[in-house]
Amino acid sequence: MEWMTAPFEVTFVQRALWGGILVSAICALAGTWVVLRGMAFLGDAMSHGLLPGVALSALFGGNLLVGAVASAAVMTAGVTVLGRTRRLSQDTGIGLLFVGMLSLGVIIVSRSQSFAVDLTGFLFGDVLAVRQQDLLLLAAALCAALLVSVLGHRAFLALAFDARKAQTLGLRPRLAHAVLLGLLGLAIVASFHIVGTLLVLGLLIAPPAAALPWARSVHGVMVRAALIGAAATFGGLLLSWHLGTAAGATVSALAVSLFFLSHLAAGLRHRAARPSPSPAPAPALRAN
């Protein structure tokens, strides 16, 4: 068992593990709604939309997290406003914002002569570089995400299954959608410096999608997604330590692998539980 415990005797790997567990919990809260509402493209667009703020912060020596929050706020506001334009489909608006923000970020990056290392960290993250203050920020982000999830659960639930019914019930679906976008932005901002924007969808989508066949409620999906994300973090760090691979990418790859294993197991369970066809009963005799 030493091969399993040895990596986690190192302080920075312990911090990476706790950071990944906290990120998994945050992503489970937001990612469940992303999966239920089919918002994966939006999640991808918002994660890449952080680039301009992060690039500006790096260019002027500011805090990357502040820049990421500013970009997330712009993306959230933009998606909300364009989503209310009847002549423009939501996917079109998201795609335009995605390309526009990413292009702006690349333009800003091109103005810097020494941004290559920072850009690599932005795209792929560095889970092994998690500091103590990062863990405190992640804990605060988890508390905020949990509060938003609890207060907005009824509205989010109605919005996920029937937006018109949510309007009838007076749940203000437009406001609920904006708050949900804010929750998604919070999860992405909290996660991008751990696994990077290119890999953040691994923890945001794969664990809730893996939990979906095994849960009977939204709460059940969230709890199982958090556990699957934590397992992917532990296993990914362990594999990364012994195989010498990139830690963040290994965590995300393992999360996606768990998704495929979960759905394979669910399919086998469904096939095994399916009753074998029985011969049709003989027609009952009727008395004349």
C-alpha atoms as a PDB file:
ATOM      1  CA  MET A   1       0.000   0.000   0.000  1.00  0.00           C
ATOM      2  CA  GLU A   2       3.027   2.286   0.185  1.00  0.00           C
ATOM      3  CA  TRP A   3       2.767   3.034  -3.541  1.00  0.00           C
ATOM      4  CA  MET A   4      -0.698   4.467  -2.862  1.00  0.00           C
ATOM      5  CA  THR A   5       0.120   6.548   0.212  1.00  0.00           C
ATOM      6  CA  ALA A   6       3.666   7.712  -0.588  1.00  0.00           C
ATOM      7  CA  PRO A   7       2.679  10.576  -2.950  1.00  0.00           C
ATOM      8  CA  PHE A   8       0.303  12.064  -0.390  1.00  0.00           C
ATOM      9  CA  GLU A   9       3.001  12.306   2.251  1.00  0.00           C
ATOM     10  CA  VAL A  10       4.386  15.255   0.280  1.00  0.00           C
ATOM     11  CA  THR A  11       2.927  18.608   1.330  1.00  0.00           C
ATOM     12  CA  PHE A  12       2.257  20.050  -2.136  1.00  0.00           C
ATOM     13  CA  VAL A  13       0.493  16.851  -3.229  1.00  0.00           C
ATOM     14  CA  GLN A  14      -1.689  17.025  -0.113  1.00  0.00           C
ATOM     15  CA  ARG A  15      -2.651  20.596  -1.018  1.00  0.00           C
ATOM     16  CA  ALA A  16      -3.332  19.486  -4.587  1.00  0.00           C
ATOM     17  CA  LEU A  17      -5.624  16.729  -3.294  1.00  0.00           C
ATOM     18  CA  TRP A  18      -7.594  19.098  -1.073  1.00  0.00           C
ATOM     19  CA  GLY A  19      -7.761  21.649  -3.863  1.00  0.00           C
ATOM     20  CA  GLY A  20      -9.096  19.041  -6.267  1.00  0.00           C
ATOM     21  CA  ILE A  21     -11.683  17.844  -3.748  1.00  0.00           C
ATOM     22  CA  LEU A  22     -12.942  21.396  -3.194  1.00  0.00           C
ATOM     23  CA  VAL A  23     -13.055  22.056  -6.938  1.00  0.00           C
ATOM     24  CA  SER A  24     -14.915  18.758  -7.455  1.00  0.00           C
ATOM     25  CA  ALA A  25     -17.577  19.828  -4.956  1.00  0.00           C
ATOM     26  CA  ILE A  26     -17.983  23.257  -6.587  1.00  0.00           C
ATOM     27  CA  CYS A  27     -18.149  21.732 -10.068  1.00  0.00           C
ATOM     28  CA  ALA A  28     -20.690  19.153  -8.886  1.00  0.00           C
ATOM     29  CA  LEU A  29     -23.053  21.930  -7.759  1.00  0.00           C
ATOM     30  CA  ALA A  30     -22.798  23.853 -11.043  1.00  0.00           C
ATOM     31  CA  GLY A  31     -22.080  20.972 -13.404  1.00  0.00           C
ATOM     32  CA  THR A  32     -25.245  19.092 -12.490  1.00  0.00           C
ATOM     33  CA  TRP A  33     -27.350  21.908 -13.948  1.00  0.00           C
ATOM     34  CA  VAL A  34     -25.020  22.145 -16.949  1.00  0.00           C
ATOM     35  CA  VAL A  35     -25.653  18.460 -17.711  1.00  0.00           C
ATOM     36  CA  LEU A  36     -29.393  18.579 -17.012  1.00  0.00           C
ATOM     37  CA  ARG A  37     -29.906  21.642 -19.218  1.00  0.00           C
ATOM     38  CA  GLY A  38     -27.496  20.633 -21.979  1.00  0.00           C
ATOM     39  CA  MET A  39     -25.253  23.672 -21.439  1.00  0.00           C
ATOM     40  CA  ALA A  40     -21.881  22.060 -22.171  1.00  0.00           C
ATOM     41  CA  PHE A  41     -21.131  24.465 -25.024  1.00  0.00           C
ATOM     42  CA  LEU A  42     -21.894  27.395 -22.728  1.00  0.00           C
ATOM     43  CA  GLY A  43     -19.488  26.020 -20.135  1.00  0.00           C
ATOM     44  CA  ASP A  44     -16.779  25.676 -22.759  1.00  0.00           C
ATOM     45  CA  ALA A  45     -17.405  29.206 -24.036  1.00  0.00           C
ATOM     46  CA  MET A  46     -17.304  30.703 -20.541  1.00  0.00           C
ATOM     47  CA  SER A  47     -14.089  28.901 -19.642  1.00  0.00           C
ATOM     48  CA  HIS A  48     -12.320  30.235 -22.737  1.00  0.00           C
ATOM     49  CA  GLY A  49     -13.935  33.626 -22.259  1.00  0.00           C
ATOM     50  CA  LEU A  50     -11.767  34.154 -19.171  1.00  0.00           C
ATOM     51  CA  LEU A  51      -8.692  34.696 -21.348  1.00  0.00           C
ATOM     52  CA  PRO A  52      -8.965  38.493 -21.903  1.00  0.00           C
ATOM     53  CA  GLY A  53      -9.219  39.301 -18.200  1.00  0.00           C
ATOM     54  CA  VAL A  54      -6.448  36.883 -17.268  1.00  0.00           C
ATOM     55  CA  ALA A  55      -4.236  38.192 -20.078  1.00  0.00           C
ATOM     56  CA  LEU A  56      -4.755  41.832 -19.050  1.00  0.00           C
ATOM     57  CA  SER A  57      -4.024  40.995 -15.416  1.00  0.00           C
ATOM     58  CA  ALA A  58      -0.814  39.203 -16.385  1.00  0.00           C
ATOM     59  CA  LEU A  59       0.188  42.001 -18.749  1.00  0.00           C
ATOM     60  CA  PHE A  60      -0.139  44.685 -16.067  1.00  0.00           C
ATOM     61  CA  GLY A  61       1.075  42.556 -13.162  1.00  0.00           C
ATOM     62  CA  GLY A  62      -2.336  42.236 -11.519  1.00  0.00           C
ATOM     63  CA  ASN A  63      -4.105  39.358  -9.817  1.00  0.00           C
ATOM     64  CA  LEU A  64      -5.100  36.685 -12.359  1.00  0.00           C
ATOM     65  CA  LEU A  65      -8.117  35.707 -10.277  1.00  0.00           C
ATOM     66  CA  VAL A  66      -9.483  39.263 -10.388  1.00  0.00           C
ATOM     67  CA  GLY A  67      -9.091  39.296 -14.161  1.00  0.00           C
ATOM     68  CA  ALA A  68     -10.843  35.951 -14.452  1.00  0.00           C
ATOM     69  CA  VAL A  69     -13.746  37.200 -12.316  1.00  0.00           C
ATOM     70  CA  ALA A  70     -14.078  40.322 -14.492  1.00  0.00           C
ATOM     71  CA  SER A  71     -14.155  38.250 -17.701  1.00  0.00           C
ATOM     72  CA  ALA A  72     -16.656  35.821 -16.181  1.00  0.00           C
ATOM     73  CA  ALA A  73     -18.904  38.769 -15.269  1.00  0.00           C
ATOM     74  CA  VAL A  74     -18.703  40.102 -18.834  1.00  0.00           C
ATOM     75  CA  MET A  75     -19.515  36.673 -20.274  1.00  0.00           C
ATOM     76  CA  THR A  76     -22.420  36.208 -17.878  1.00  0.00           C
ATOM     77  CA  ALA A  77     -23.885  39.611 -18.698  1.00  0.00           C
ATOM     78  CA  GLY A  78     -23.365  39.081 -22.427  1.00  0.00           C
ATOM     79  CA  VAL A  79     -25.024  35.664 -22.500  1.00  0.00           C
ATOM     80  CA  THR A  80     -27.942  37.004 -20.423  1.00  0.00           C
ATOM     81  CA  VAL A  81     -28.502  40.015 -22.707  1.00  0.00           C
ATOM     82  CA  LEU A  82     -28.120  38.115 -25.987  1.00  0.00           C
ATOM     83  CA  GLY A  83     -30.369  35.345 -24.641  1.00  0.00           C
ATOM     84  CA  ARG A  84     -33.218  37.855 -24.495  1.00  0.00           C
ATOM     85  CA  THR A  85     -32.847  38.792 -28.175  1.00  0.00           C
ATOM     86  CA  ARG A  86     -35.627  36.972 -29.985  1.00  0.00           C
ATOM     87  CA  ARG A  87     -34.021  37.259 -33.418  1.00  0.00           C
ATOM     88  CA  LEU A  88     -30.867  35.522 -32.246  1.00  0.00           C
ATOM     89  CA  SER A  89     -30.696  31.940 -31.008  1.00  0.00           C
ATOM     90  CA  GLN A  90     -28.938  31.365 -27.706  1.00  0.00           C
ATOM     91  CA  ASP A  91     -26.291  29.127 -29.287  1.00  0.00           C
ATOM     92  CA  THR A  92     -25.488  31.837 -31.847  1.00  0.00           C
ATOM     93  CA  GLY A  93     -25.064  34.456 -29.126  1.00  0.00           C
ATOM     94  CA  ILE A  94     -22.866  32.153 -27.068  1.00  0.00           C
ATOM     95  CA  GLY A  95     -20.762  31.305 -30.128  1.00  0.00           C
ATOM     96  CA  LEU A  96     -20.245  34.977 -30.950  1.00  0.00           C
ATOM     97  CA  LEU A  97     -19.193  35.794 -27.401  1.00  0.00           C
ATOM     98  CA  PHE A  98     -16.931  32.738 -27.358  1.00  0.00           C
ATOM     99  CA  VAL A  99     -15.084  33.763 -30.525  1.00  0.00           C
ATOM    100  CA  GLY A 100     -15.030  37.451 -29.612  1.00  0.00           C
ATOM    101  CA  MET A 101     -13.624  36.989 -26.113  1.00  0.00           C
ATOM    102  CA  LEU A 102     -11.115  34.349 -27.217  1.00  0.00           C
ATOM    103  CA  SER A 103      -9.933  36.554 -30.099  1.00  0.00           C
ATOM    104  CA  LEU A 104      -9.569  39.528 -27.773  1.00  0.00           C
ATOM    105  CA  GLY A 105      -7.559  37.391 -25.372  1.00  0.00           C
ATOM    106  CA  VAL A 106      -5.216  36.192 -28.115  1.00  0.00           C
ATOM    107  CA  ILE A 107      -4.721  39.793 -29.308  1.00  0.00           C
ATOM    108  CA  ILE A 108      -3.761  40.843 -25.779  1.00  0.00           C
ATOM    109  CA  VAL A 109      -1.435  37.854 -25.455  1.00  0.00           C
ATOM    110  CA  SER A 110       0.230  38.756 -28.762  1.00  0.00           C
ATOM    111  CA  ARG A 111       1.161  42.145 -27.308  1.00  0.00           C
ATOM    112  CA  SER A 112       3.210  40.494 -24.578  1.00  0.00           C
ATOM    113  CA  GLN A 113       6.660  39.070 -25.180  1.00  0.00           C
ATOM    114  CA  SER A 114       6.782  36.823 -22.109  1.00  0.00           C
ATOM    115  CA  PHE A 115       3.311  35.400 -21.707  1.00  0.00           C
ATOM    116  CA  ALA A 116       3.945  31.851 -22.968  1.00  0.00           C
ATOM    117  CA  VAL A 117       4.393  30.299 -19.528  1.00  0.00           C
ATOM    118  CA  ASP A 118       1.384  32.117 -18.065  1.00  0.00           C
ATOM    119  CA  LEU A 119      -0.748  31.122 -21.066  1.00  0.00           C
ATOM    120  CA  THR A 120       0.228  27.489 -20.596  1.00  0.00           C
ATOM    121  CA  GLY A 121      -0.808  27.712 -16.959  1.00  0.00           C
ATOM    122  CA  PHE A 122      -4.101  29.317 -17.977  1.00  0.00           C
ATOM    123  CA  LEU A 123      -4.874  26.618 -20.531  1.00  0.00           C
ATOM    124  CA  PHE A 124      -3.717  23.566 -18.577  1.00  0.00           C
ATOM    125  CA  GLY A 125      -3.547  24.686 -14.942  1.00  0.00           C
ATOM    126  CA  ASP A 126      -1.109  23.481 -12.312  1.00  0.00           C
ATOM    127  CA  VAL A 127      -2.816  21.521  -9.577  1.00  0.00           C
ATOM    128  CA  LEU A 128       0.523  20.841  -7.890  1.00  0.00           C
ATOM    129  CA  ALA A 129       1.073  24.576  -7.366  1.00  0.00           C
ATOM    130  CA  VAL A 130      -1.967  25.049  -5.099  1.00  0.00           C
ATOM    131  CA  ARG A 131      -1.111  27.218  -2.107  1.00  0.00           C
ATOM    132  CA  GLN A 132      -2.685  27.471   1.316  1.00  0.00           C
ATOM    133  CA  GLN A 133      -4.435  30.720   0.394  1.00  0.00           C
ATOM    134  CA  ASP A 134      -5.842  29.031  -2.708  1.00  0.00           C
ATOM    135  CA  LEU A 135      -7.477  26.429  -0.485  1.00  0.00           C
ATOM    136  CA  LEU A 136      -9.079  29.205   1.579  1.00  0.00           C
ATOM    137  CA  LEU A 137     -10.419  30.864  -1.569  1.00  0.00           C
ATOM    138  CA  LEU A 138     -11.753  27.542  -2.828  1.00  0.00           C
ATOM    139  CA  ALA A 139     -13.468  26.906   0.523  1.00  0.00           C
ATOM    140  CA  ALA A 140     -15.087  30.355   0.343  1.00  0.00           C
ATOM    141  CA  ALA A 141     -16.159  29.690  -3.266  1.00  0.00           C
ATOM    142  CA  LEU A 142     -17.673  26.358  -2.205  1.00  0.00           C
ATOM    143  CA  CYS A 143     -19.667  28.061   0.559  1.00  0.00           C
ATOM    144  CA  ALA A 144     -20.937  30.659  -1.929  1.00  0.00           C
ATOM    145  CA  ALA A 145     -21.833  27.988  -4.496  1.00  0.00           C
ATOM    146  CA  LEU A 146     -23.625  25.947  -1.845  1.00  0.00           C
ATOM    147  CA  LEU A 147     -25.613  28.990  -0.703  1.00  0.00           C
ATOM    148  CA  VAL A 148     -26.649  29.865  -4.268  1.00  0.00           C
ATOM    149  CA  SER A 149     -27.574  26.232  -4.968  1.00  0.00           C
ATOM    150  CA  VAL A 150     -29.763  25.976  -1.874  1.00  0.00           C
ATOM    151  CA  LEU A 151     -31.518  29.319  -2.351  1.00  0.00           C
ATOM    152  CA  GLY A 152     -32.018  28.854  -6.090  1.00  0.00           C
ATOM    153  CA  HIS A 153     -32.738  25.112  -6.152  1.00  0.00           C
ATOM    154  CA  ARG A 154     -36.494  25.398  -6.760  1.00  0.00           C
ATOM    155  CA  ALA A 155     -36.079  27.954  -9.534  1.00  0.00           C
ATOM    156  CA  PHE A 156     -33.199  26.040 -11.131  1.00  0.00           C
ATOM    157  CA  LEU A 157     -35.219  22.831 -11.041  1.00  0.00           C
ATOM    158  CA  ALA A 158     -38.251  24.404 -12.703  1.00  0.00           C
ATOM    159  CA  LEU A 159     -36.022  26.117 -15.252  1.00  0.00           C
ATOM    160  CA  ALA A 160     -34.268  22.863 -16.134  1.00  0.00           C
ATOM    161  CA  PHE A 161     -37.477  21.013 -16.981  1.00  0.00           C
ATOM    162  CA  ASP A 162     -40.049  23.638 -18.001  1.00  0.00           C
ATOM    163  CA  ALA A 163     -39.205  27.335 -18.272  1.00  0.00           C
ATOM    164  CA  ARG A 164     -42.823  28.269 -19.001  1.00  0.00           C
ATOM    165  CA  LYS A 165     -44.000  26.548 -15.849  1.00  0.00           C
ATOM    166  CA  ALA A 166     -41.322  28.393 -13.914  1.00  0.00           C
ATOM    167  CA  GLN A 167     -42.782  31.647 -15.244  1.00  0.00           C
ATOM    168  CA  THR A 168     -46.288  30.523 -14.235  1.00  0.00           C
ATOM    169  CA  LEU A 169     -45.088  29.725 -10.719  1.00  0.00           C
ATOM    170  CA  GLY A 170     -43.594  33.195 -10.405  1.00  0.00           C
ATOM    171  CA  LEU A 171     -40.009  31.890 -10.180  1.00  0.00           C
ATOM    172  CA  ARG A 172     -38.620  34.523 -12.585  1.00  0.00           C
ATOM    173  CA  PRO A 173     -36.803  32.207 -15.004  1.00  0.00           C
ATOM    174  CA  ARG A 174     -34.724  35.008 -16.558  1.00  0.00           C
ATOM    175  CA  LEU A 175     -33.301  35.964 -13.184  1.00  0.00           C
ATOM    176  CA  ALA A 176     -32.813  32.292 -12.322  1.00  0.00           C
ATOM    177  CA  HIS A 177     -30.941  31.781 -15.601  1.00  0.00           C
ATOM    178  CA  ALA A 178     -28.671  34.756 -14.859  1.00  0.00           C
ATOM    179  CA  VAL A 179     -27.960  33.452 -11.343  1.00  0.00           C
ATOM    180  CA  LEU A 180     -27.244  30.001 -12.773  1.00  0.00           C
ATOM    181  CA  LEU A 181     -24.772  31.555 -15.200  1.00  0.00           C
ATOM    182  CA  GLY A 182     -23.142  33.255 -12.233  1.00  0.00           C
ATOM    183  CA  LEU A 183     -22.873  29.897 -10.460  1.00  0.00           C
ATOM    184  CA  LEU A 184     -21.292  28.399 -13.571  1.00  0.00           C
ATOM    185  CA  GLY A 185     -18.870  31.306 -13.788  1.00  0.00           C
ATOM    186  CA  LEU A 186     -17.954  30.845 -10.128  1.00  0.00           C
ATOM    187  CA  ALA A 187     -17.165  27.168 -10.703  1.00  0.00           C
ATOM    188  CA  ILE A 188     -15.035  27.924 -13.761  1.00  0.00           C
ATOM    189  CA  VAL A 189     -13.118  30.765 -12.096  1.00  0.00           C
ATOM    190  CA  ALA A 190     -12.470  28.599  -9.040  1.00  0.00           C
ATOM    191  CA  SER A 191     -11.276  25.716 -11.205  1.00  0.00           C
ATOM    192  CA  PHE A 192      -9.260  27.277 -13.999  1.00  0.00           C
ATOM    193  CA  HIS A 193      -6.025  27.700 -12.024  1.00  0.00           C
ATOM    194  CA  ILE A 194      -6.293  24.105 -10.802  1.00  0.00           C
ATOM    195  CA  VAL A 195      -6.890  22.204 -14.044  1.00  0.00           C
ATOM    196  CA  GLY A 196      -6.902  25.038 -16.619  1.00  0.00           C
ATOM    197  CA  THR A 197      -9.612  26.228 -18.968  1.00  0.00           C
ATOM    198  CA  LEU A 198      -9.061  23.472 -21.533  1.00  0.00           C
ATOM    199  CA  LEU A 199      -9.553  20.798 -18.891  1.00  0.00           C
ATOM    200  CA  VAL A 200     -12.110  22.411 -16.587  1.00  0.00           C
ATOM    201  CA  LEU A 201     -14.987  20.767 -18.442  1.00  0.00           C
ATOM    202  CA  GLY A 202     -13.568  17.413 -17.366  1.00  0.00           C
ATOM    203  CA  LEU A 203     -14.550  18.081 -13.750  1.00  0.00           C
ATOM    204  CA  LEU A 204     -17.549  20.247 -14.616  1.00  0.00           C
ATOM    205  CA  ILE A 205     -19.340  17.764 -16.883  1.00  0.00           C
ATOM    206  CA  ALA A 206     -17.880  14.270 -16.563  1.00  0.00           C
ATOM    207  CA  PRO A 207     -18.687  13.582 -12.856  1.00  0.00           C
ATOM    208  CA  PRO A 208     -22.357  14.751 -13.022  1.00  0.00           C
ATOM    209  CA  ALA A 209     -22.824  12.879 -16.309  1.00  0.00           C
ATOM    210  CA  ALA A 210     -21.288   9.771 -14.727  1.00  0.00           C
ATOM    211  CA  ALA A 211     -23.579  10.080 -11.700  1.00  0.00           C
ATOM    212  CA  LEU A 212     -26.756  10.594 -13.720  1.00  0.00           C
ATOM    213  CA  PRO A 213     -27.634   6.901 -14.360  1.00  0.00           C
ATOM    214  CA  TRP A 214     -27.260   6.046 -10.652  1.00  0.00           C
ATOM    215  CA  ALA A 215     -29.202   8.865  -8.982  1.00  0.00           C
ATOM    216  CA  ARG A 216     -32.927   9.441  -8.619  1.00  0.00           C
ATOM    217  CA  SER A 217     -32.802  13.100  -7.646  1.00  0.00           C
ATOM    218  CA  VAL A 218     -30.836  16.237  -8.425  1.00  0.00           C
ATOM    219  CA  HIS A 219     -29.334  16.138  -4.946  1.00  0.00           C
ATOM    220  CA  GLY A 220     -28.254  12.563  -5.559  1.00  0.00           C
ATOM    221  CA  VAL A 221     -26.513  13.564  -8.783  1.00  0.00           C
ATOM    222  CA  MET A 222     -24.659  16.366  -6.993  1.00  0.00           C
ATOM    223  CA  VAL A 223     -23.449  14.179  -4.135  1.00  0.00           C
ATOM    224  CA  ARG A 224     -22.336  11.376  -6.417  1.00  0.00           C
ATOM    225  CA  ALA A 225     -20.687  13.841  -8.799  1.00  0.00           C
ATOM    226  CA  ALA A 226     -18.674  15.334  -5.939  1.00  0.00           C
ATOM    227  CA  LEU A 227     -17.547  11.853  -4.871  1.00  0.00           C
ATOM    228  CA  ILE A 228     -16.635  10.870  -8.443  1.00  0.00           C
ATOM    229  CA  GLY A 229     -14.696  14.110  -8.870  1.00  0.00           C
ATOM    230  CA  ALA A 230     -12.845  13.504  -5.606  1.00  0.00           C
ATOM    231  CA  ALA A 231     -12.033   9.947  -6.715  1.00  0.00           C
ATOM    232  CA  ALA A 232     -10.768  11.252 -10.060  1.00  0.00           C
ATOM    233  CA  THR A 233      -8.599  13.772  -8.224  1.00  0.00           C
ATOM    234  CA  PHE A 234      -7.100  11.137  -5.944  1.00  0.00           C
ATOM    235  CA  GLY A 235      -6.557   8.618  -8.733  1.00  0.00           C
ATOM    236  CA  GLY A 236      -5.284  11.243 -11.156  1.00  0.00           C
ATOM    237  CA  LEU A 237      -2.694  12.555  -8.723  1.00  0.00           C
ATOM    238  CA  LEU A 238      -1.617   9.001  -7.915  1.00  0.00           C
ATOM    239  CA  LEU A 239      -1.209   8.072 -11.580  1.00  0.00           C
ATOM    240  CA  SER A 240       0.521  11.362 -12.328  1.00  0.00           C
ATOM    241  CA  TRP A 241       3.034  10.740  -9.537  1.00  0.00           C
ATOM    242  CA  HIS A 242       3.964   7.229 -10.702  1.00  0.00           C
ATOM    243  CA  LEU A 243       3.710   7.784 -14.470  1.00  0.00           C
ATOM    244  CA  GLY A 244       5.243  11.255 -14.592  1.00  0.00           C
ATOM    245  CA  THR A 245       2.301  12.768 -16.485  1.00  0.00           C
ATOM    246  CA  ALA A 246       0.694  16.215 -16.198  1.00  0.00           C
ATOM    247  CA  ALA A 247      -1.381  16.188 -13.015  1.00  0.00           C
ATOM    248  CA  GLY A 248      -4.339  18.334 -14.137  1.00  0.00           C
ATOM    249  CA  ALA A 249      -4.706  16.528 -17.458  1.00  0.00           C
ATOM    250  CA  THR A 250      -4.505  13.141 -15.726  1.00  0.00           C
ATOM    251  CA  VAL A 251      -7.255  14.124 -13.279  1.00  0.00           C
ATOM    252  CA  SER A 252      -9.529  15.286 -16.108  1.00  0.00           C
ATOM    253  CA  ALA A 253      -8.776  12.227 -18.241  1.00  0.00           C
ATOM    254  CA  LEU A 254      -9.614   9.931 -15.345  1.00  0.00           C
ATOM    255  CA  ALA A 255     -12.878  11.815 -14.724  1.00  0.00           C
ATOM    256  CA  VAL A 256     -13.872  11.272 -18.363  1.00  0.00           C
ATOM    257  CA  SER A 257     -12.852   7.603 -18.124  1.00  0.00           C
ATOM    258  CA  LEU A 258     -15.079   7.196 -15.067  1.00  0.00           C
ATOM    259  CA  PHE A 259     -17.951   8.623 -17.107  1.00  0.00           C
ATOM    260  CA  PHE A 260     -17.552   5.936 -19.775  1.00  0.00           C
ATOM    261  CA  LEU A 261     -17.174   3.199 -17.153  1.00  0.00           C
ATOM    262  CA  SER A 262     -20.287   4.428 -15.341  1.00  0.00           C
ATOM    263  CA  HIS A 263     -22.428   4.367 -18.459  1.00  0.00           C
ATOM    264  CA  LEU A 264     -21.026   0.992 -19.490  1.00  0.00           C
ATOM    265  CA  ALA A 265     -21.904  -0.436 -16.059  1.00  0.00           C
ATOM    266  CA  ALA A 266     -25.349   1.192 -16.192  1.00  0.00           C
ATOM    267  CA  GLY A 267     -25.975  -0.353 -19.601  1.00  0.00           C
ATOM    268  CA  LEU A 268     -24.937  -3.809 -18.377  1.00  0.00           C
ATOM    269  CA  ARG A 269     -27.138  -3.446 -15.302  1.00  0.00           C
ATOM    270  CA  HIS A 270     -30.102  -2.429 -17.430  1.00  0.00           C
ATOM    271  CA  ARG A 271     -29.560  -5.368 -19.774  1.00  0.00           C
ATOM    272  CA  ALA A 272     -29.266  -7.818 -16.875  1.00  0.00           C
ATOM    273  CA  ALA A 273     -32.404  -6.471 -15.210  1.00  0.00           C
ATOM    274  CA  ARG A 274     -34.455  -6.625 -18.393  1.00  0.00           C
ATOM    275  CA  PRO A 275     -36.958  -9.513 -18.051  1.00  0.00           C
ATOM    276  CA  SER A 276     -36.690 -12.233 -20.650  1.00  0.00           C
ATOM    277  CA  PRO A 277     -39.702 -12.360 -22.961  1.00  0.00           C
ATOM    278  CA  SER A 278     -42.198 -14.951 -21.795  1.00  0.00           C
ATOM    279  CA  PRO A 279     -44.531 -16.804 -24.134  1.00  0.00           C
ATOM    280  CA  ALA A 280     -47.880 -15.148 -24.677  1.00  0.00           C
ATOM    281  CA  PRO A 281     -50.554 -16.613 -22.413  1.00  0.00           C
ATOM    282  CA  ALA A 282     -53.178 -18.760 -24.059  1.00  0.00           C
ATOM    283  CA  PRO A 283     -56.467 -16.922 -24.570  1.00  0.00           C
ATOM    284  CA  ALA A 284     -58.919 -17.547 -21.798  1.00  0.00           C
ATOM    285  CA  LEU A 285     -61.917 -19.696 -22.573  1.00  0.00           C
ATOM    286  CA  ARG A 286     -65.216 -17.947 -22.514  1.00  0.00           C
ATOM    287  CA  ALA A 287     -68.414 -19.636 -21.501  1.00  0.00           C
ATOM    288  CA  ASN A 288     -71.114 -19.444 -24.147  1.00  0.00           C
END
